[in-house]
Amino acid sequence: MDDQKIIALFWERSETALTEFEKSHKRLCITAANEITGNPHDAEECFSDTCMALWNSIPPQKPESLRAYALRICKNFALNLVKAKSRQKRSAVLVELDECISASIPDMEPQAIGALIDAFMETLPKREAIIFVRRYNCSQPVKDIAAAVGMTENQVSKILQKVRRKLQKHLEKEGIRV
């Protein structure tokens, strides 16, 4: 069935619209979402969300190209999902730093915090600095860091623990109560 007939079915609020949309556009939407998310399950979720969004937006919208309209919606869902997962992963990584960062740091100016961290980074041996940056700036998993630096995951974890203790001592030395 062509797109204009499917749009007409949406306007009639016929559930056949969703069935016909799925027959003609599911593979395209899932492929596009999978390219963004890298996860077939997430791509399926984006497609389901796209179907719901189409049902809720047509009417009043009457897109000229259902294909383009649906792809835009599906890609936006995929991008939002990737952003949300990235935020969650980053938050989980930063929880590790809680033990060495006090509640008073958020009251400081961002430039001051940056200067403290920069000064601390200069005190670290190169390998420790690389591992620290990969973990806490790039949010890389310990497994990936270990592979990149040619160490075991256990060795990387121990180095991260040691560096967090060093950061805590550095902050205390700078007058920040931890």
N, C-alpha and C. Protein backbone atom coordinates (compact mmCIF):
# COMPACT_ATOMS: atom_id res chain seq x y z
N MET A 1 0.85 -1.17 0.00
CA MET A 1 0.00 0.00 0.00
C MET A 1 0.90 1.24 0.00
N ASP A 2 0.52 2.26 -0.76
CA ASP A 2 1.36 3.45 -0.83
C ASP A 2 1.14 4.36 0.38
N ASP A 3 2.08 5.28 0.56
CA ASP A 3 2.09 6.12 1.76
C ASP A 3 0.83 6.97 1.90
N GLN A 4 0.32 7.50 0.82
CA GLN A 4 -0.87 8.36 0.91
C GLN A 4 -2.08 7.59 1.42
N LYS A 5 -2.21 6.33 1.01
CA LYS A 5 -3.32 5.50 1.50
C LYS A 5 -3.14 5.18 2.99
N ILE A 6 -1.90 4.97 3.40
CA ILE A 6 -1.63 4.70 4.82
C ILE A 6 -1.94 5.95 5.65
N ILE A 7 -1.56 7.12 5.14
CA ILE A 7 -1.86 8.37 5.84
C ILE A 7 -3.37 8.55 5.95
N ALA A 8 -4.09 8.22 4.89
CA ALA A 8 -5.56 8.31 4.92
C ALA A 8 -6.13 7.38 5.99
N LEU A 9 -5.55 6.20 6.14
CA LEU A 9 -6.00 5.28 7.19
C LEU A 9 -5.73 5.85 8.58
N PHE A 10 -4.59 6.51 8.74
CA PHE A 10 -4.32 7.17 10.03
C PHE A 10 -5.38 8.23 10.30
N TRP A 11 -5.73 9.01 9.28
CA TRP A 11 -6.73 10.06 9.45
C TRP A 11 -8.09 9.47 9.81
N GLU A 12 -8.37 8.28 9.31
CA GLU A 12 -9.64 7.60 9.64
C GLU A 12 -9.57 6.93 11.01
N ARG A 13 -8.36 6.94 11.65
CA ARG A 13 -8.11 6.29 12.93
C ARG A 13 -8.31 4.78 12.83
N SER A 14 -7.95 4.24 11.68
CA SER A 14 -8.05 2.81 11.45
C SER A 14 -6.75 2.14 11.90
N GLU A 15 -6.88 1.10 12.72
CA GLU A 15 -5.68 0.39 13.19
C GLU A 15 -4.96 -0.32 12.04
N THR A 16 -5.62 -0.45 10.92
CA THR A 16 -4.98 -1.01 9.73
C THR A 16 -3.81 -0.14 9.29
N ALA A 17 -3.86 1.14 9.63
CA ALA A 17 -2.77 2.05 9.28
C ALA A 17 -1.46 1.57 9.88
N LEU A 18 -1.51 1.15 11.14
CA LEU A 18 -0.29 0.67 11.80
C LEU A 18 0.20 -0.63 11.16
N THR A 19 -0.72 -1.51 10.83
CA THR A 19 -0.35 -2.78 10.20
C THR A 19 0.31 -2.53 8.85
N GLU A 20 -0.29 -1.66 8.06
CA GLU A 20 0.25 -1.35 6.73
C GLU A 20 1.57 -0.60 6.83
N PHE A 21 1.66 0.31 7.80
CA PHE A 21 2.92 1.03 8.01
C PHE A 21 4.02 0.04 8.36
N GLU A 22 3.71 -0.88 9.25
CA GLU A 22 4.71 -1.87 9.65
C GLU A 22 5.16 -2.72 8.46
N LYS A 23 4.23 -3.14 7.63
CA LYS A 23 4.58 -3.95 6.45
C LYS A 23 5.53 -3.20 5.52
N SER A 24 5.28 -1.92 5.34
CA SER A 24 6.04 -1.18 4.33
C SER A 24 7.27 -0.44 4.86
N HIS A 25 7.33 -0.14 6.15
CA HIS A 25 8.42 0.71 6.65
C HIS A 25 9.20 0.16 7.84
N LYS A 26 8.80 -0.96 8.39
CA LYS A 26 9.46 -1.47 9.60
C LYS A 26 10.94 -1.73 9.37
N ARG A 27 11.27 -2.44 8.31
CA ARG A 27 12.67 -2.78 8.07
C ARG A 27 13.54 -1.54 7.91
N LEU A 28 13.04 -0.55 7.19
CA LEU A 28 13.79 0.69 6.98
C LEU A 28 14.01 1.42 8.30
N CYS A 29 12.96 1.55 9.11
CA CYS A 29 13.08 2.26 10.39
C CYS A 29 14.01 1.53 11.34
N ILE A 30 13.88 0.22 11.42
CA ILE A 30 14.72 -0.54 12.34
C ILE A 30 16.18 -0.47 11.90
N THR A 31 16.42 -0.54 10.60
CA THR A 31 17.80 -0.43 10.11
C THR A 31 18.39 0.93 10.48
N ALA A 32 17.62 1.98 10.28
CA ALA A 32 18.10 3.33 10.60
C ALA A 32 18.36 3.48 12.10
N ALA A 33 17.45 2.98 12.91
CA ALA A 33 17.62 3.07 14.37
C ALA A 33 18.80 2.22 14.84
N ASN A 34 18.97 1.06 14.23
CA ASN A 34 20.07 0.17 14.62
C ASN A 34 21.43 0.79 14.28
N GLU A 35 21.49 1.54 13.19
CA GLU A 35 22.74 2.22 12.84
C GLU A 35 23.12 3.25 13.90
N ILE A 36 22.13 3.83 14.54
CA ILE A 36 22.40 4.84 15.56
C ILE A 36 22.65 4.19 16.92
N THR A 37 21.80 3.24 17.30
CA THR A 37 21.92 2.65 18.64
C THR A 37 22.93 1.52 18.70
N GLY A 38 23.12 0.81 17.59
CA GLY A 38 24.01 -0.34 17.59
C GLY A 38 23.44 -1.53 18.34
N ASN A 39 22.14 -1.51 18.59
CA ASN A 39 21.51 -2.55 19.37
C ASN A 39 20.15 -2.89 18.75
N PRO A 40 19.98 -4.11 18.24
CA PRO A 40 18.71 -4.49 17.60
C PRO A 40 17.50 -4.36 18.52
N HIS A 41 17.68 -4.68 19.80
CA HIS A 41 16.56 -4.55 20.74
C HIS A 41 16.14 -3.08 20.88
N ASP A 42 17.12 -2.19 21.01
CA ASP A 42 16.82 -0.76 21.10
C ASP A 42 16.18 -0.26 19.81
N ALA A 43 16.63 -0.78 18.67
CA ALA A 43 16.05 -0.38 17.39
C ALA A 43 14.57 -0.78 17.31
N GLU A 44 14.25 -1.96 17.81
CA GLU A 44 12.85 -2.41 17.87
C GLU A 44 12.02 -1.48 18.75
N GLU A 45 12.60 -1.10 19.88
CA GLU A 45 11.92 -0.18 20.80
C GLU A 45 11.66 1.16 20.11
N CYS A 46 12.64 1.64 19.37
CA CYS A 46 12.48 2.91 18.64
C CYS A 46 11.37 2.79 17.59
N PHE A 47 11.30 1.63 16.95
CA PHE A 47 10.23 1.44 15.95
C PHE A 47 8.87 1.45 16.63
N SER A 48 8.74 0.77 17.76
CA SER A 48 7.46 0.76 18.48
C SER A 48 7.07 2.18 18.90
N ASP A 49 8.05 2.92 19.40
CA ASP A 49 7.78 4.31 19.79
C ASP A 49 7.38 5.15 18.58
N THR A 50 7.98 4.85 17.44
CA THR A 50 7.64 5.57 16.20
C THR A 50 6.19 5.30 15.81
N CYS A 51 5.77 4.05 15.90
CA CYS A 51 4.37 3.71 15.58
C CYS A 51 3.41 4.48 16.48
N MET A 52 3.73 4.53 17.78
CA MET A 52 2.87 5.26 18.72
C MET A 52 2.87 6.76 18.39
N ALA A 53 4.04 7.29 18.06
CA ALA A 53 4.12 8.71 17.72
C ALA A 53 3.33 9.03 16.45
N LEU A 54 3.39 8.14 15.48
CA LEU A 54 2.61 8.35 14.25
C LEU A 54 1.12 8.34 14.57
N TRP A 55 0.71 7.38 15.39
CA TRP A 55 -0.71 7.28 15.75
C TRP A 55 -1.17 8.56 16.46
N ASN A 56 -0.30 9.10 17.30
CA ASN A 56 -0.67 10.31 18.05
C ASN A 56 -0.54 11.60 17.26
N SER A 57 0.24 11.60 16.20
CA SER A 57 0.47 12.85 15.47
C SER A 57 -0.28 12.95 14.14
N ILE A 58 -0.76 11.82 13.63
CA ILE A 58 -1.55 11.86 12.37
C ILE A 58 -2.96 11.41 12.71
N PRO A 59 -4.00 12.21 12.61
CA PRO A 59 -3.96 13.66 12.50
C PRO A 59 -3.47 14.30 13.79
N PRO A 60 -3.15 15.55 13.83
CA PRO A 60 -3.40 16.65 12.91
C PRO A 60 -2.37 16.77 11.78
N GLN A 61 -1.18 16.18 11.97
CA GLN A 61 -0.17 16.28 10.91
C GLN A 61 -0.63 15.49 9.69
N LYS A 62 -0.26 15.99 8.53
CA LYS A 62 -0.51 15.26 7.29
C LYS A 62 0.77 15.36 6.46
N PRO A 63 1.74 14.48 6.77
CA PRO A 63 3.04 14.58 6.09
C PRO A 63 2.93 14.28 4.60
N GLU A 64 3.76 14.98 3.83
CA GLU A 64 3.80 14.72 2.39
C GLU A 64 4.42 13.35 2.13
N SER A 65 5.46 13.03 2.90
CA SER A 65 6.14 11.75 2.75
C SER A 65 6.11 11.03 4.10
N LEU A 66 5.32 9.97 4.18
CA LEU A 66 5.25 9.19 5.41
C LEU A 66 6.60 8.57 5.72
N ARG A 67 7.30 8.14 4.70
CA ARG A 67 8.62 7.52 4.86
C ARG A 67 9.59 8.49 5.55
N ALA A 68 9.69 9.70 5.03
CA ALA A 68 10.61 10.69 5.58
C ALA A 68 10.17 11.11 6.99
N TYR A 69 8.89 11.29 7.17
CA TYR A 69 8.35 11.70 8.47
C TYR A 69 8.63 10.64 9.53
N ALA A 70 8.36 9.39 9.19
CA ALA A 70 8.58 8.29 10.13
C ALA A 70 10.06 8.09 10.42
N LEU A 71 10.90 8.21 9.39
CA LEU A 71 12.34 8.07 9.61
C LEU A 71 12.87 9.14 10.54
N ARG A 72 12.40 10.36 10.36
CA ARG A 72 12.85 11.45 11.24
C ARG A 72 12.45 11.15 12.68
N ILE A 73 11.22 10.71 12.88
CA ILE A 73 10.75 10.39 14.23
C ILE A 73 11.57 9.24 14.82
N CYS A 74 11.77 8.20 14.03
CA CYS A 74 12.50 7.02 14.51
C CYS A 74 13.95 7.37 14.85
N LYS A 75 14.60 8.14 14.00
CA LYS A 75 15.98 8.54 14.26
C LYS A 75 16.07 9.41 15.51
N ASN A 76 15.09 10.27 15.71
CA ASN A 76 15.09 11.10 16.92
C ASN A 76 14.96 10.24 18.18
N PHE A 77 14.08 9.22 18.12
CA PHE A 77 13.97 8.31 19.25
C PHE A 77 15.29 7.59 19.50
N ALA A 78 15.96 7.17 18.44
CA ALA A 78 17.24 6.46 18.57
C ALA A 78 18.31 7.38 19.17
N LEU A 79 18.38 8.61 18.69
CA LEU A 79 19.36 9.56 19.22
C LEU A 79 19.09 9.86 20.70
N ASN A 80 17.83 10.05 21.04
CA ASN A 80 17.48 10.32 22.43
C ASN A 80 17.82 9.14 23.34
N LEU A 81 17.62 7.93 22.83
CA LEU A 81 17.93 6.73 23.60
C LEU A 81 19.43 6.63 23.84
N VAL A 82 20.22 6.90 22.80
CA VAL A 82 21.68 6.86 22.94
C VAL A 82 22.13 7.92 23.94
N LYS A 83 21.59 9.12 23.86
CA LYS A 83 21.95 10.19 24.80
C LYS A 83 21.61 9.79 26.23
N ALA A 84 20.42 9.22 26.42
CA ALA A 84 20.00 8.83 27.77
C ALA A 84 20.91 7.74 28.33
N LYS A 85 21.25 6.76 27.52
CA LYS A 85 22.13 5.69 28.00
C LYS A 85 23.52 6.23 28.30
N SER A 86 23.97 7.18 27.50
CA SER A 86 25.28 7.79 27.73
C SER A 86 25.29 8.54 29.06
N ARG A 87 24.21 9.28 29.34
CA ARG A 87 24.12 10.00 30.61
C ARG A 87 24.12 9.03 31.79
N GLN A 88 23.38 7.93 31.65
CA GLN A 88 23.32 6.94 32.73
C GLN A 88 24.70 6.33 32.97
N LYS A 89 25.39 5.99 31.88
CA LYS A 89 26.72 5.39 32.02
C LYS A 89 27.68 6.38 32.65
N ARG A 90 27.62 7.63 32.20
CA ARG A 90 28.51 8.65 32.74
C ARG A 90 28.22 8.86 34.23
N SER A 91 26.95 8.88 34.61
CA SER A 91 26.60 9.05 36.01
C SER A 91 27.13 7.90 36.85
N ALA A 92 27.02 6.69 36.34
CA ALA A 92 27.51 5.52 37.07
C ALA A 92 29.02 5.61 37.28
N VAL A 93 29.74 6.07 36.28
CA VAL A 93 31.19 6.21 36.38
C VAL A 93 31.55 7.27 37.41
N LEU A 94 30.81 8.36 37.43
CA LEU A 94 31.13 9.44 38.36
C LEU A 94 30.82 9.09 39.81
N VAL A 95 29.96 8.11 40.03
CA VAL A 95 29.68 7.66 41.39
C VAL A 95 30.97 7.16 42.04
N GLU A 96 31.86 6.58 41.24
CA GLU A 96 33.14 6.11 41.77
C GLU A 96 33.94 7.24 42.40
N LEU A 97 33.77 8.44 41.90
CA LEU A 97 34.53 9.58 42.42
C LEU A 97 33.94 10.16 43.69
N ASP A 98 32.74 9.73 44.06
CA ASP A 98 32.08 10.29 45.25
C ASP A 98 32.93 10.17 46.50
N GLU A 99 33.70 9.09 46.60
CA GLU A 99 34.48 8.89 47.82
C GLU A 99 35.58 9.93 48.01
N CYS A 100 35.98 10.60 46.92
CA CYS A 100 37.07 11.55 47.07
C CYS A 100 36.67 12.98 46.75
N ILE A 101 35.39 13.21 46.48
CA ILE A 101 34.93 14.57 46.19
C ILE A 101 33.88 14.94 47.22
N SER A 102 34.08 16.06 47.88
CA SER A 102 33.17 16.47 48.94
C SER A 102 31.99 17.24 48.39
N ALA A 103 31.03 17.48 49.25
CA ALA A 103 29.84 18.25 48.88
C ALA A 103 30.19 19.71 48.64
N SER A 104 31.35 20.17 49.10
CA SER A 104 31.69 21.59 48.94
C SER A 104 32.16 21.91 47.53
N ILE A 105 32.60 20.91 46.77
CA ILE A 105 33.11 21.18 45.43
C ILE A 105 32.04 21.79 44.51
N PRO A 106 30.77 21.31 44.52
CA PRO A 106 29.80 21.94 43.63
C PRO A 106 29.61 23.43 43.86
N ASP A 107 29.95 23.93 45.08
CA ASP A 107 29.83 25.35 45.36
C ASP A 107 30.97 26.16 44.73
N MET A 108 32.00 25.49 44.28
CA MET A 108 33.16 26.16 43.70
C MET A 108 32.88 26.54 42.25
N GLU A 109 33.60 27.53 41.78
CA GLU A 109 33.52 27.91 40.38
C GLU A 109 34.07 26.79 39.50
N PRO A 110 33.47 26.53 38.33
CA PRO A 110 33.98 25.48 37.45
C PRO A 110 35.45 25.65 37.08
N GLN A 111 35.90 26.91 36.91
CA GLN A 111 37.30 27.15 36.58
C GLN A 111 38.22 26.70 37.71
N ALA A 112 37.77 26.93 38.96
CA ALA A 112 38.58 26.55 40.11
C ALA A 112 38.67 25.03 40.21
N ILE A 113 37.55 24.37 39.98
CA ILE A 113 37.55 22.90 39.99
C ILE A 113 38.48 22.37 38.90
N GLY A 114 38.36 22.96 37.72
CA GLY A 114 39.22 22.55 36.60
C GLY A 114 40.69 22.74 36.92
N ALA A 115 41.01 23.86 37.55
CA ALA A 115 42.41 24.14 37.91
C ALA A 115 42.91 23.12 38.93
N LEU A 116 42.08 22.76 39.90
CA LEU A 116 42.48 21.75 40.89
C LEU A 116 42.74 20.40 40.22
N ILE A 117 41.85 20.01 39.34
CA ILE A 117 42.00 18.72 38.65
C ILE A 117 43.23 18.76 37.74
N ASP A 118 43.43 19.87 37.02
CA ASP A 118 44.61 19.99 36.16
C ASP A 118 45.90 19.87 36.97
N ALA A 119 45.94 20.55 38.10
CA ALA A 119 47.13 20.48 38.96
C ALA A 119 47.34 19.04 39.44
N PHE A 120 46.26 18.38 39.78
CA PHE A 120 46.36 16.99 40.22
C PHE A 120 46.88 16.10 39.09
N MET A 121 46.35 16.29 37.90
CA MET A 121 46.75 15.45 36.76
C MET A 121 48.24 15.58 36.46
N GLU A 122 48.79 16.76 36.68
CA GLU A 122 50.22 16.97 36.44
C GLU A 122 51.11 16.18 37.41
N THR A 123 50.54 15.80 38.55
CA THR A 123 51.32 15.04 39.52
C THR A 123 51.32 13.54 39.23
N LEU A 124 50.46 13.11 38.34
CA LEU A 124 50.33 11.67 38.06
C LEU A 124 51.35 11.20 37.03
N PRO A 125 51.84 9.97 37.19
CA PRO A 125 52.62 9.37 36.12
C PRO A 125 51.73 9.24 34.87
N LYS A 126 52.36 9.23 33.71
CA LYS A 126 51.62 9.25 32.44
C LYS A 126 50.58 8.13 32.35
N ARG A 127 50.96 6.92 32.72
CA ARG A 127 50.04 5.78 32.59
C ARG A 127 48.81 5.97 33.48
N GLU A 128 49.02 6.44 34.71
CA GLU A 128 47.90 6.68 35.61
C GLU A 128 46.99 7.79 35.08
N ALA A 129 47.59 8.84 34.54
CA ALA A 129 46.81 9.95 33.99
C ALA A 129 45.95 9.47 32.81
N ILE A 130 46.54 8.65 31.95
CA ILE A 130 45.79 8.13 30.80
C ILE A 130 44.61 7.30 31.27
N ILE A 131 44.86 6.43 32.23
CA ILE A 131 43.79 5.57 32.75
C ILE A 131 42.69 6.42 33.40
N PHE A 132 43.09 7.41 34.19
CA PHE A 132 42.14 8.30 34.87
C PHE A 132 41.27 9.03 33.85
N VAL A 133 41.90 9.60 32.84
CA VAL A 133 41.16 10.36 31.82
C VAL A 133 40.22 9.45 31.04
N ARG A 134 40.70 8.28 30.65
CA ARG A 134 39.85 7.35 29.91
C ARG A 134 38.62 6.97 30.72
N ARG A 135 38.79 6.77 32.02
CA ARG A 135 37.67 6.34 32.86
C ARG A 135 36.73 7.48 33.20
N TYR A 136 37.27 8.60 33.69
CA TYR A 136 36.41 9.64 34.23
C TYR A 136 36.10 10.78 33.28
N ASN A 137 36.85 10.91 32.21
CA ASN A 137 36.54 11.94 31.22
C ASN A 137 35.82 11.32 30.03
N CYS A 138 36.24 10.14 29.62
CA CYS A 138 35.67 9.48 28.44
C CYS A 138 34.65 8.40 28.80
N SER A 139 34.51 8.10 30.09
CA SER A 139 33.56 7.09 30.59
C SER A 139 33.77 5.72 29.97
N GLN A 140 35.01 5.36 29.71
CA GLN A 140 35.29 4.05 29.13
C GLN A 140 35.19 2.97 30.20
N PRO A 141 34.68 1.80 29.82
CA PRO A 141 34.65 0.69 30.76
C PRO A 141 36.07 0.22 31.10
N VAL A 142 36.24 -0.31 32.30
CA VAL A 142 37.55 -0.79 32.74
C VAL A 142 38.10 -1.82 31.76
N LYS A 143 37.24 -2.66 31.25
CA LYS A 143 37.64 -3.69 30.29
C LYS A 143 38.31 -3.07 29.05
N ASP A 144 37.71 -2.02 28.52
CA ASP A 144 38.26 -1.35 27.33
C ASP A 144 39.58 -0.64 27.64
N ILE A 145 39.64 -0.03 28.81
CA ILE A 145 40.88 0.65 29.21
C ILE A 145 42.00 -0.37 29.33
N ALA A 146 41.70 -1.49 29.98
CA ALA A 146 42.71 -2.54 30.16
C ALA A 146 43.25 -3.01 28.82
N ALA A 147 42.37 -3.23 27.87
CA ALA A 147 42.80 -3.66 26.54
C ALA A 147 43.66 -2.59 25.87
N ALA A 148 43.27 -1.34 26.01
CA ALA A 148 43.99 -0.24 25.36
C ALA A 148 45.39 -0.02 25.93
N VAL A 149 45.55 -0.23 27.24
CA VAL A 149 46.84 0.03 27.86
C VAL A 149 47.65 -1.24 28.10
N GLY A 150 47.12 -2.38 27.69
CA GLY A 150 47.85 -3.65 27.81
C GLY A 150 47.98 -4.14 29.24
N MET A 151 46.91 -4.01 30.00
CA MET A 151 46.91 -4.47 31.39
C MET A 151 45.68 -5.34 31.62
N THR A 152 45.63 -5.96 32.80
CA THR A 152 44.43 -6.71 33.16
C THR A 152 43.41 -5.74 33.74
N GLU A 153 42.15 -6.17 33.77
CA GLU A 153 41.10 -5.34 34.36
C GLU A 153 41.39 -5.11 35.84
N ASN A 154 41.88 -6.13 36.51
CA ASN A 154 42.20 -6.01 37.93
C ASN A 154 43.28 -4.94 38.16
N GLN A 155 44.31 -4.93 37.32
CA GLN A 155 45.37 -3.93 37.46
C GLN A 155 44.82 -2.52 37.26
N VAL A 156 43.97 -2.36 36.25
CA VAL A 156 43.38 -1.04 35.98
C VAL A 156 42.50 -0.61 37.15
N SER A 157 41.71 -1.52 37.67
CA SER A 157 40.85 -1.19 38.82
C SER A 157 41.67 -0.75 40.02
N LYS A 158 42.76 -1.44 40.27
CA LYS A 158 43.63 -1.06 41.40
C LYS A 158 44.25 0.31 41.18
N ILE A 159 44.68 0.59 39.95
CA ILE A 159 45.25 1.90 39.64
C ILE A 159 44.20 2.99 39.84
N LEU A 160 42.98 2.76 39.38
CA LEU A 160 41.91 3.74 39.55
C LEU A 160 41.63 3.99 41.03
N GLN A 161 41.62 2.94 41.81
CA GLN A 161 41.41 3.08 43.25
C GLN A 161 42.54 3.91 43.86
N LYS A 162 43.76 3.62 43.47
CA LYS A 162 44.94 4.35 43.97
C LYS A 162 44.87 5.83 43.57
N VAL A 163 44.48 6.10 42.33
CA VAL A 163 44.40 7.48 41.84
C VAL A 163 43.29 8.24 42.56
N ARG A 164 42.18 7.58 42.84
CA ARG A 164 41.10 8.25 43.58
C ARG A 164 41.58 8.64 44.99
N ARG A 165 42.35 7.75 45.62
CA ARG A 165 42.91 8.08 46.95
C ARG A 165 43.86 9.27 46.84
N LYS A 166 44.69 9.27 45.78
CA LYS A 166 45.62 10.39 45.57
C LYS A 166 44.84 11.69 45.35
N LEU A 167 43.76 11.63 44.58
CA LEU A 167 42.95 12.82 44.34
C LEU A 167 42.36 13.33 45.65
N GLN A 168 41.88 12.42 46.46
CA GLN A 168 41.33 12.81 47.76
C GLN A 168 42.38 13.54 48.60
N LYS A 169 43.59 12.99 48.65
CA LYS A 169 44.67 13.63 49.41
C LYS A 169 45.03 14.98 48.81
N HIS A 170 45.06 15.06 47.48
CA HIS A 170 45.38 16.32 46.80
C HIS A 170 44.34 17.40 47.15
N LEU A 171 43.08 17.02 47.13
CA LEU A 171 42.02 17.98 47.44
C LEU A 171 42.11 18.43 48.90
N GLU A 172 42.40 17.49 49.80
CA GLU A 172 42.55 17.85 51.21
C GLU A 172 43.72 18.81 51.40
N LYS A 173 44.81 18.55 50.66
CA LYS A 173 45.99 19.42 50.75
C LYS A 173 45.66 20.83 50.24
N GLU A 174 44.73 20.92 49.32
CA GLU A 174 44.34 22.21 48.76
C GLU A 174 43.25 22.90 49.60
N GLY A 175 42.94 22.28 50.73
CA GLY A 175 41.98 22.92 51.65
C GLY A 175 40.54 22.52 51.42
N ILE A 176 40.32 21.49 50.65
CA ILE A 176 38.95 21.03 50.42
C ILE A 176 38.70 19.84 51.35
N ARG A 177 37.76 20.03 52.24
CA ARG A 177 37.44 18.97 53.19
C ARG A 177 36.67 17.87 52.49
N VAL A 178 37.21 16.67 52.57
CA VAL A 178 36.60 15.52 51.89
C VAL A 178 36.06 14.55 52.90
